[in-house]
C-alpha atoms as a PDB file:
ATOM      1  CA  UNK A   1      87.018  93.473 120.278  1.00  0.00           C
ATOM      2  CA  UNK A   2      90.566  93.566 122.181  1.00  0.00           C
ATOM      3  CA  UNK A   3      93.387  94.532 120.331  1.00  0.00           C
ATOM      4  CA  UNK A   4      95.759  91.666 120.225  1.00  0.00           C
ATOM      5  CA  UNK A   5      99.372  91.595 119.258  1.00  0.00           C
ATOM      6  CA  UNK A   6     100.223  88.699 116.629  1.00  0.00           C
ATOM      7  CA  UNK A   7     103.964  87.742 115.949  1.00  0.00           C
ATOM      8  CA  UNK A   8     105.144  87.232 112.238  1.00  0.00           C
ATOM      9  CA  UNK A   9     108.463  86.311 111.464  1.00  0.00           C
ATOM     10  CA  UNK A  10     110.483  88.296 108.763  1.00  0.00           C
ATOM     11  CA  UNK A  11     111.245  84.951 107.306  1.00  0.00           C
ATOM     12  CA  UNK A  12     108.113  84.918 105.768  1.00  0.00           C
ATOM     13  CA  UNK A  13     109.245  87.431 103.154  1.00  0.00           C
ATOM     14  CA  UNK A  14     112.413  85.436 102.474  1.00  0.00           C
ATOM     15  CA  UNK A  15     110.767  82.264 102.143  1.00  0.00           C
ATOM     16  CA  UNK A  16     111.618  80.562  98.641  1.00  0.00           C
ATOM     17  CA  UNK A  17     108.186  79.319  98.346  1.00  0.00           C
ATOM     18  CA  UNK A  18     106.390  82.444  99.227  1.00  0.00           C
ATOM     19  CA  UNK A  19     108.984  84.406  96.700  1.00  0.00           C
ATOM     20  CA  UNK A  20     108.450  82.071  93.840  1.00  0.00           C
ATOM     21  CA  UNK A  21     105.038  80.744  94.341  1.00  0.00           C
ATOM     22  CA  UNK A  22     102.739  83.400  95.857  1.00  0.00           C
ATOM     23  CA  UNK A  23     101.102  86.248  93.715  1.00  0.00           C
ATOM     24  CA  UNK A  24     100.840  89.519  95.537  1.00  0.00           C
ATOM     25  CA  UNK A  25      97.141  88.738  96.415  1.00  0.00           C
ATOM     26  CA  UNK A  26      98.520  85.440  98.188  1.00  0.00           C
ATOM     27  CA  UNK A  27     100.870  87.099 100.522  1.00  0.00           C
ATOM     28  CA  UNK A  28      98.351  89.845 101.364  1.00  0.00           C
ATOM     29  CA  UNK A  29      95.884  86.951 102.097  1.00  0.00           C
ATOM     30  CA  UNK A  30      98.538  84.888 104.122  1.00  0.00           C
ATOM     31  CA  UNK A  31      99.122  87.991 106.115  1.00  0.00           C
ATOM     32  CA  UNK A  32      95.582  88.413 107.022  1.00  0.00           C
ATOM     33  CA  UNK A  33      95.293  84.815 107.911  1.00  0.00           C
ATOM     34  CA  UNK A  34      98.069  85.433 110.297  1.00  0.00           C
ATOM     35  CA  UNK A  35      97.081  88.379 112.013  1.00  0.00           C
ATOM     36  CA  UNK A  36      93.365  89.208 111.539  1.00  0.00           C
ATOM     37  CA  UNK A  37      91.167  90.084 114.404  1.00  0.00           C
ATOM     38  CA  UNK A  38      89.713  86.634 114.632  1.00  0.00           C
ATOM     39  CA  UNK A  39      93.034  84.954 115.088  1.00  0.00           C
ATOM     40  CA  UNK A  40      93.785  82.783 118.202  1.00  0.00           C
ATOM     41  CA  UNK A  41      97.066  81.550 119.629  1.00  0.00           C
ATOM     42  CA  UNK A  42      96.122  78.040 118.636  1.00  0.00           C
ATOM     43  CA  UNK A  43      95.793  78.951 115.120  1.00  0.00           C
ATOM     44  CA  UNK A  44      92.458  77.394 114.648  1.00  0.00           C
ATOM     45  CA  UNK A  45      89.331  79.995 114.697  1.00  0.00           C
ATOM     46  CA  UNK A  46      86.191  81.128 113.472  1.00  0.00           C
ATOM     47  CA  UNK A  47      86.545  83.213 110.178  1.00  0.00           C
ATOM     48  CA  UNK A  48      83.362  84.865 109.077  1.00  0.00           C
ATOM     49  CA  UNK A  49      83.909  85.310 105.375  1.00  0.00           C
ATOM     50  CA  UNK A  50      81.563  88.265 104.724  1.00  0.00           C
ATOM     51  CA  UNK A  51      83.668  90.172 107.184  1.00  0.00           C
ATOM     52  CA  UNK A  52      86.851  88.969 105.827  1.00  0.00           C
ATOM     53  CA  UNK A  53      85.808  90.094 102.541  1.00  0.00           C
ATOM     54  CA  UNK A  54      84.938  93.742 103.894  1.00  0.00           C
ATOM     55  CA  UNK A  55      88.063  93.857 105.767  1.00  0.00           C
ATOM     56  CA  UNK A  56      90.293  92.816 102.854  1.00  0.00           C
ATOM     57  CA  UNK A  57      88.563  94.934 100.415  1.00  0.00           C
ATOM     58  CA  UNK A  58      87.841  91.914  98.133  1.00  0.00           C
ATOM     59  CA  UNK A  59      84.302  90.340  97.016  1.00  0.00           C
ATOM     60  CA  UNK A  60      83.345  87.321  98.786  1.00  0.00           C
ATOM     61  CA  UNK A  61      83.819  85.125  95.479  1.00  0.00           C
ATOM     62  CA  UNK A  62      87.373  86.356  95.849  1.00  0.00           C
ATOM     63  CA  UNK A  63      87.852  85.317  99.308  1.00  0.00           C
ATOM     64  CA  UNK A  64      86.221  81.819  98.686  1.00  0.00           C
ATOM     65  CA  UNK A  65      88.698  81.482  95.847  1.00  0.00           C
ATOM     66  CA  UNK A  66      91.726  82.413  98.026  1.00  0.00           C
ATOM     67  CA  UNK A  67      90.442  79.859 100.551  1.00  0.00           C
ATOM     68  CA  UNK A  68      90.107  77.023  98.111  1.00  0.00           C
ATOM     69  CA  UNK A  69      93.412  77.960  96.463  1.00  0.00           C
ATOM     70  CA  UNK A  70      95.182  77.837 100.224  1.00  0.00           C
ATOM     71  CA  UNK A  71      93.410  74.833 101.121  1.00  0.00           C
ATOM     72  CA  UNK A  72      93.724  72.524  97.827  1.00  0.00           C
ATOM     73  CA  UNK A  73      96.832  74.096  96.041  1.00  0.00           C
ATOM     74  CA  UNK A  74      99.155  75.327  98.450  1.00  0.00           C
ATOM     75  CA  UNK A  75      97.749  72.901 101.434  1.00  0.00           C
ATOM     76  CA  UNK A  76      98.723  75.249 104.223  1.00  0.00           C
ATOM     77  CA  UNK A  77      95.104  75.426 105.769  1.00  0.00           C
ATOM     78  CA  UNK A  78      92.089  73.478 106.088  1.00  0.00           C
ATOM     79  CA  UNK A  79      88.673  75.219 106.109  1.00  0.00           C
ATOM     80  CA  UNK A  80      85.116  73.853 107.465  1.00  0.00           C
ATOM     81  CA  UNK A  81      82.475  75.618 105.693  1.00  0.00           C
ATOM     82  CA  UNK A  82      79.692  74.295 107.793  1.00  0.00           C
ATOM     83  CA  UNK A  83      81.391  76.268 111.162  1.00  0.00           C
ATOM     84  CA  UNK A  84      83.383  78.877 109.167  1.00  0.00           C
ATOM     85  CA  UNK A  85      86.659  77.733 110.968  1.00  0.00           C
ATOM     86  CA  UNK A  86      90.141  77.590 109.359  1.00  0.00           C
ATOM     87  CA  UNK A  87      93.292  75.737 110.775  1.00  0.00           C
ATOM     88  CA  UNK A  88      96.592  77.156 109.870  1.00  0.00           C
ATOM     89  CA  UNK A  89      99.041  74.088 109.529  1.00  0.00           C
ATOM     90  CA  UNK A  90     102.040  75.788 110.736  1.00  0.00           C
ATOM     91  CA  UNK A  91     100.850  78.617 112.683  1.00  0.00           C
ATOM     92  CA  UNK A  92     102.095  77.234 116.153  1.00  0.00           C
ATOM     93  CA  UNK A  93     105.769  76.855 114.902  1.00  0.00           C
ATOM     94  CA  UNK A  94     105.794  80.711 114.488  1.00  0.00           C
ATOM     95  CA  UNK A  95     103.154  82.409 116.790  1.00  0.00           C
ATOM     96  CA  UNK A  96     104.724  81.303 120.264  1.00  0.00           C
ATOM     97  CA  UNK A  97     108.395  82.681 121.003  1.00  0.00           C
ATOM     98  CA  UNK A  98     108.068  82.392 124.692  1.00  0.00           C
ATOM     99  CA  UNK A  99     105.898  79.758 126.488  1.00  0.00           C
ATOM    100  CA  UNK A 100     105.208  78.823 129.852  1.00  0.00           C
ATOM    101  CA  UNK A 101     101.765  78.210 131.986  1.00  0.00           C
ATOM    102  CA  UNK A 102      99.846  81.390 130.639  1.00  0.00           C
ATOM    103  CA  UNK A 103     100.500  80.521 127.115  1.00  0.00           C
ATOM    104  CA  UNK A 104      99.466  76.781 127.805  1.00  0.00           C
ATOM    105  CA  UNK A 105      96.327  78.057 129.614  1.00  0.00           C
ATOM    106  CA  UNK A 106      95.452  80.165 126.438  1.00  0.00           C
ATOM    107  CA  UNK A 107      95.942  77.366 124.005  1.00  0.00           C
ATOM    108  CA  UNK A 108      93.580  75.206 126.393  1.00  0.00           C
ATOM    109  CA  UNK A 109      91.047  77.844 126.270  1.00  0.00           C
ATOM    110  CA  UNK A 110      91.372  78.320 122.535  1.00  0.00           C
ATOM    111  CA  UNK A 111      91.003  74.534 122.074  1.00  0.00           C
ATOM    112  CA  UNK A 112      87.472  74.835 124.135  1.00  0.00           C
ATOM    113  CA  UNK A 113      86.384  77.266 121.625  1.00  0.00           C
ATOM    114  CA  UNK A 114      86.764  75.190 118.369  1.00  0.00           C
ATOM    115  CA  UNK A 115      83.477  73.429 117.137  1.00  0.00           C
ATOM    116  CA  UNK A 116      85.428  71.116 114.690  1.00  0.00           C
ATOM    117  CA  UNK A 117      87.845  69.540 116.803  1.00  0.00           C
ATOM    118  CA  UNK A 118      89.267  67.554 113.870  1.00  0.00           C
ATOM    119  CA  UNK A 119      90.658  70.797 112.481  1.00  0.00           C
ATOM    120  CA  UNK A 120      92.915  70.839 115.727  1.00  0.00           C
ATOM    121  CA  UNK A 121      93.715  67.139 114.938  1.00  0.00           C
ATOM    122  CA  UNK A 122      95.006  68.369 111.650  1.00  0.00           C
ATOM    123  CA  UNK A 123      97.538  70.800 113.113  1.00  0.00           C
ATOM    124  CA  UNK A 124      98.557  68.262 115.717  1.00  0.00           C
ATOM    125  CA  UNK A 125      99.188  65.560 113.355  1.00  0.00           C
ATOM    126  CA  UNK A 126     101.122  67.602 111.158  1.00  0.00           C
ATOM    127  CA  UNK A 127     103.407  68.984 113.901  1.00  0.00           C
ATOM    128  CA  UNK A 128     103.779  65.589 115.441  1.00  0.00           C
ATOM    129  CA  UNK A 129     105.354  64.759 112.167  1.00  0.00           C
ATOM    130  CA  UNK A 130     107.680  67.735 112.528  1.00  0.00           C
ATOM    131  CA  UNK A 131     111.414  67.534 113.990  1.00  0.00           C
ATOM    132  CA  UNK A 132     110.903  68.393 117.660  1.00  0.00           C
ATOM    133  CA  UNK A 133     113.785  71.183 117.516  1.00  0.00           C
ATOM    134  CA  UNK A 134     111.474  73.317 115.494  1.00  0.00           C
ATOM    135  CA  UNK A 135     108.920  73.532 118.113  1.00  0.00           C
ATOM    136  CA  UNK A 136     108.390  75.712 121.184  1.00  0.00           C
ATOM    137  CA  UNK A 137     108.316  73.367 124.388  1.00  0.00           C
ATOM    138  CA  UNK A 138     105.249  74.808 125.528  1.00  0.00           C
ATOM    139  CA  UNK A 139     103.602  73.753 122.241  1.00  0.00           C
ATOM    140  CA  UNK A 140     105.351  70.395 122.318  1.00  0.00           C
ATOM    141  CA  UNK A 141     103.709  69.792 125.774  1.00  0.00           C
ATOM    142  CA  UNK A 142     100.296  70.848 124.188  1.00  0.00           C
ATOM    143  CA  UNK A 143     100.782  68.522 121.386  1.00  0.00           C
ATOM    144  CA  UNK A 144     101.879  65.466 123.620  1.00  0.00           C
ATOM    145  CA  UNK A 145      98.563  66.240 125.714  1.00  0.00           C
ATOM    146  CA  UNK A 146      96.157  66.263 122.927  1.00  0.00           C
ATOM    147  CA  UNK A 147      97.751  63.681 120.595  1.00  0.00           C
ATOM    148  CA  UNK A 148      94.692  61.775 120.758  1.00  0.00           C
ATOM    149  CA  UNK A 149      92.532  64.044 118.844  1.00  0.00           C
ATOM    150  CA  UNK A 150      91.362  62.697 115.458  1.00  0.00           C
ATOM    151  CA  UNK A 151      92.114  64.017 112.244  1.00  0.00           C
ATOM    152  CA  UNK A 152      89.054  62.988 110.359  1.00  0.00           C
ATOM    153  CA  UNK A 153      90.168  64.019 106.752  1.00  0.00           C
ATOM    154  CA  UNK A 154      93.665  62.555 107.033  1.00  0.00           C
ATOM    155  CA  UNK A 155      95.536  63.076 103.712  1.00  0.00           C
ATOM    156  CA  UNK A 156      98.999  64.226 105.207  1.00  0.00           C
ATOM    157  CA  UNK A 157     100.698  60.933 105.968  1.00  0.00           C
ATOM    158  CA  UNK A 158     104.117  61.815 104.667  1.00  0.00           C
ATOM    159  CA  UNK A 159     106.754  62.729 107.096  1.00  0.00           C
ATOM    160  CA  UNK A 160     108.886  65.828 106.271  1.00  0.00           C
ATOM    161  CA  UNK A 161     110.368  68.746 107.871  1.00  0.00           C
ATOM    162  CA  UNK A 162     109.031  71.924 106.768  1.00  0.00           C
ATOM    163  CA  UNK A 163     109.009  75.081 108.922  1.00  0.00           C
ATOM    164  CA  UNK A 164     107.869  77.691 106.225  1.00  0.00           C
ATOM    165  CA  UNK A 165     104.395  79.304 106.202  1.00  0.00           C
ATOM    166  CA  UNK A 166     104.025  77.535 102.753  1.00  0.00           C
ATOM    167  CA  UNK A 167     103.825  73.863 102.942  1.00  0.00           C
ATOM    168  CA  UNK A 168     106.016  72.004 100.467  1.00  0.00           C
ATOM    169  CA  UNK A 169     103.834  68.528 100.419  1.00  0.00           C
ATOM    170  CA  UNK A 170     103.606  67.061  97.031  1.00  0.00           C
ATOM    171  CA  UNK A 171     101.056  68.387  95.035  1.00  0.00           C
ATOM    172  CA  UNK A 172      98.401  65.761  93.858  1.00  0.00           C
ATOM    173  CA  UNK A 173      97.926  64.764  90.543  1.00  0.00           C
ATOM    174  CA  UNK A 174      95.036  65.547  88.349  1.00  0.00           C
ATOM    175  CA  UNK A 175      94.140  68.554  90.334  1.00  0.00           C
ATOM    176  CA  UNK A 176      92.200  71.316  88.702  1.00  0.00           C
ATOM    177  CA  UNK A 177      94.073  74.610  88.654  1.00  0.00           C
ATOM    178  CA  UNK A 178      92.813  77.530  90.545  1.00  0.00           C
ATOM    179  CA  UNK A 179      92.697  80.701  88.555  1.00  0.00           C
ATOM    180  CA  UNK A 180      95.224  83.218  89.889  1.00  0.00           C
ATOM    181  CA  UNK A 181      93.416  86.307  91.183  1.00  0.00           C
ATOM    182  CA  UNK A 182      95.650  89.343  90.088  1.00  0.00           C
ATOM    183  CA  UNK A 183      92.765  91.822  90.584  1.00  0.00           C
ATOM    184  CA  UNK A 184      90.150  90.216  92.841  1.00  0.00           C
ATOM    185  CA  UNK A 185      87.415  93.034  93.007  1.00  0.00           C
ATOM    186  CA  UNK A 186      87.154  93.186  88.953  1.00  0.00           C
ATOM    187  CA  UNK A 187      86.714  90.023  87.170  1.00  0.00           C
ATOM    188  CA  UNK A 188      87.130  91.357  83.660  1.00  0.00           C
ATOM    189  CA  UNK A 189      90.337  93.155  84.520  1.00  0.00           C
ATOM    190  CA  UNK A 190      91.588  89.932  86.235  1.00  0.00           C
ATOM    191  CA  UNK A 191      90.819  88.025  83.040  1.00  0.00           C
ATOM    192  CA  UNK A 192      92.569  90.949  80.805  1.00  0.00           C
ATOM    193  CA  UNK A 193      95.638  90.879  82.866  1.00  0.00           C
ATOM    194  CA  UNK A 194      95.788  86.932  83.000  1.00  0.00           C
ATOM    195  CA  UNK A 195      95.669  87.101  79.163  1.00  0.00           C
ATOM    196  CA  UNK A 196      98.558  89.692  79.231  1.00  0.00           C
ATOM    197  CA  UNK A 197     100.541  87.342  81.143  1.00  0.00           C
ATOM    198  CA  UNK A 198      99.727  84.342  78.873  1.00  0.00           C
ATOM    199  CA  UNK A 199     100.888  86.577  75.958  1.00  0.00           C
ATOM    200  CA  UNK A 200     103.958  87.277  77.478  1.00  0.00           C
ATOM    201  CA  UNK A 201     104.620  83.469  77.792  1.00  0.00           C
ATOM    202  CA  UNK A 202     103.718  83.105  73.878  1.00  0.00           C
ATOM    203  CA  UNK A 203     106.254  85.758  72.711  1.00  0.00           C
ATOM    204  CA  UNK A 204     108.885  84.059  75.024  1.00  0.00           C
ATOM    205  CA  UNK A 205     109.082  86.609  77.837  1.00  0.00           C
ATOM    206  CA  UNK A 206     107.399  84.919  80.723  1.00  0.00           C
ATOM    207  CA  UNK A 207     107.040  86.878  83.870  1.00  0.00           C
ATOM    208  CA  UNK A 208     108.211  86.276  87.255  1.00  0.00           C
ATOM    209  CA  UNK A 209     106.153  86.832  89.981  1.00  0.00           C
ATOM    210  CA  UNK A 210     108.354  90.009  90.789  1.00  0.00           C
ATOM    211  CA  UNK A 211     107.812  91.233  87.354  1.00  0.00           C
ATOM    212  CA  UNK A 212     103.847  90.764  87.802  1.00  0.00           C
ATOM    213  CA  UNK A 213     103.896  92.656  90.880  1.00  0.00           C
ATOM    214  CA  UNK A 214     105.866  95.602  89.315  1.00  0.00           C
ATOM    215  CA  UNK A 215     103.458  95.441  86.244  1.00  0.00           C
ATOM    216  CA  UNK A 216     100.242  95.713  88.566  1.00  0.00           C
ATOM    217  CA  UNK A 217     102.027  98.762  90.220  1.00  0.00           C
ATOM    218  CA  UNK A 218     102.645 100.109  86.919  1.00  0.00           C
ATOM    219  CA  UNK A 219      99.141  99.631  85.611  1.00  0.00           C
ATOM    220  CA  UNK A 220      97.843 101.226  88.664  1.00  0.00           C
ATOM    221  CA  UNK A 221      99.816 104.186  88.193  1.00  0.00           C
ATOM    222  CA  UNK A 222      99.004 104.497  84.854  1.00  0.00           C
ATOM    223  CA  UNK A 223      95.112 103.896  85.297  1.00  0.00           C
ATOM    224  CA  UNK A 224      95.033 105.950  88.246  1.00  0.00           C
ATOM    225  CA  UNK A 225      92.502 103.566  89.894  1.00  0.00           C
ATOM    226  CA  UNK A 226      90.266 103.696  86.809  1.00  0.00           C
ATOM    227  CA  UNK A 227      89.731  99.737  85.978  1.00  0.00           C
ATOM    228  CA  UNK A 228      88.263 100.433  82.714  1.00  0.00           C
ATOM    229  CA  UNK A 229      91.200 102.656  81.278  1.00  0.00           C
ATOM    230  CA  UNK A 230      93.392  99.793  83.048  1.00  0.00           C
ATOM    231  CA  UNK A 231      91.750  97.077  80.835  1.00  0.00           C
ATOM    232  CA  UNK A 232      92.279  99.286  77.684  1.00  0.00           C
ATOM    233  CA  UNK A 233      95.992  99.728  78.670  1.00  0.00           C
ATOM    234  CA  UNK A 234      96.655  95.944  79.025  1.00  0.00           C
ATOM    235  CA  UNK A 235      94.498  95.259  75.756  1.00  0.00           C
ATOM    236  CA  UNK A 236      96.797  97.837  74.010  1.00  0.00           C
ATOM    237  CA  UNK A 237      99.813  95.838  74.876  1.00  0.00           C
ATOM    238  CA  UNK A 238      98.222  92.465  73.972  1.00  0.00           C
ATOM    239  CA  UNK A 239      97.053  93.622  70.713  1.00  0.00           C
ATOM    240  CA  UNK A 240     100.690  95.081  70.021  1.00  0.00           C
ATOM    241  CA  UNK A 241     102.313  92.024  71.671  1.00  0.00           C
ATOM    242  CA  UNK A 242     104.175  94.762  73.875  1.00  0.00           C
ATOM    243  CA  UNK A 243     106.137  93.274  76.939  1.00  0.00           C
ATOM    244  CA  UNK A 244     105.594  96.388  78.826  1.00  0.00           C
ATOM    245  CA  UNK A 245     102.471  98.612  79.699  1.00  0.00           C
ATOM    246  CA  UNK A 246     102.249 101.983  78.638  1.00  0.00           C
ATOM    247  CA  UNK A 247      99.857 105.027  78.406  1.00  0.00           C
ATOM    248  CA  UNK A 248      96.952 104.774  75.849  1.00  0.00           C
ATOM    249  CA  UNK A 249      97.696 106.090  72.510  1.00  0.00           C
ATOM    250  CA  UNK A 250      94.519 108.127  72.609  1.00  0.00           C
ATOM    251  CA  UNK A 251      95.573 109.907  75.467  1.00  0.00           C
ATOM    252  CA  UNK A 252      98.901 110.864  74.383  1.00  0.00           C
ATOM    253  CA  UNK A 253      98.818 114.493  72.648  1.00  0.00           C
ATOM    254  CA  UNK A 254     102.062 113.316  70.353  1.00  0.00           C
ATOM    255  CA  UNK A 255     100.139 110.485  68.956  1.00  0.00           C
ATOM    256  CA  UNK A 256      97.119 112.423  67.755  1.00  0.00           C
ATOM    257  CA  UNK A 257      97.408 113.116  63.975  1.00  0.00           C
ATOM    258  CA  UNK A 258      95.290 116.307  62.697  1.00  0.00           C
ATOM    259  CA  UNK A 259      93.197 115.013  59.940  1.00  0.00           C
ATOM    260  CA  UNK A 260      92.129 117.035  56.746  1.00  0.00           C
ATOM    261  CA  UNK A 261      88.695 117.387  58.465  1.00  0.00           C
ATOM    262  CA  UNK A 262      90.375 119.026  61.398  1.00  0.00           C
ATOM    263  CA  UNK A 263      92.581 121.267  59.313  1.00  0.00           C
ATOM    264  CA  UNK A 264      89.510 122.265  57.273  1.00  0.00           C
ATOM    265  CA  UNK A 265      87.713 122.959  60.713  1.00  0.00           C
ATOM    266  CA  UNK A 266      90.285 125.130  62.034  1.00  0.00           C
ATOM    267  CA  UNK A 267      91.238 127.159  59.190  1.00  0.00           C
END
């Protein structure tokens, strides 16, 4: 596969919604969607989920959970499970800096390779409702040329201006809450850490996304990559209602007290 360069704005990291709503795994997955080996200039492309799981280091179930979260909770992608194609709603706002005929030809070529054309309609319809000052002229020409492409699953009739990677459209009511994947590769560790986050809320010390990120880094440091040890560390904090994460008491030489039996055996 030919090595292709993709553009990612540094503004991604300063976006309020990315900072406040995205978990560390969300940020990682968003960057993967923007620059994985299967991306196209159009931002609508075939995404083989098994390969994505391998490249991300996640389980297939974790990737499916992330896909569902980004489509139904964040509403910044649309995914067709029959063709395994993904459309990133705001991709064309960020991926093209300098346009021209070569870029326009590239977009046309990418369009011909899309099986579910309604995904392109989804992108075009959204961008058509965005202020033109945010859109590159070449992209604008492409949108006008293909404005008749139909969006078969139109649920985005609101008109607003949002040039962030995250889409701030209003969340539908009664939508089932998607579980947050702190540790996608270990279901038990992920559940235990989620219980720790809930415990922090109950003791009136809720965690920000930044605090969660720091806690995960601390946990990885304390456990040295041993997930079973990580689970025990988190459970220790939950049982003691501790705000922080600490070395296991059983691993702390200072915490080990000599029993009468030990004294008798060592006499």
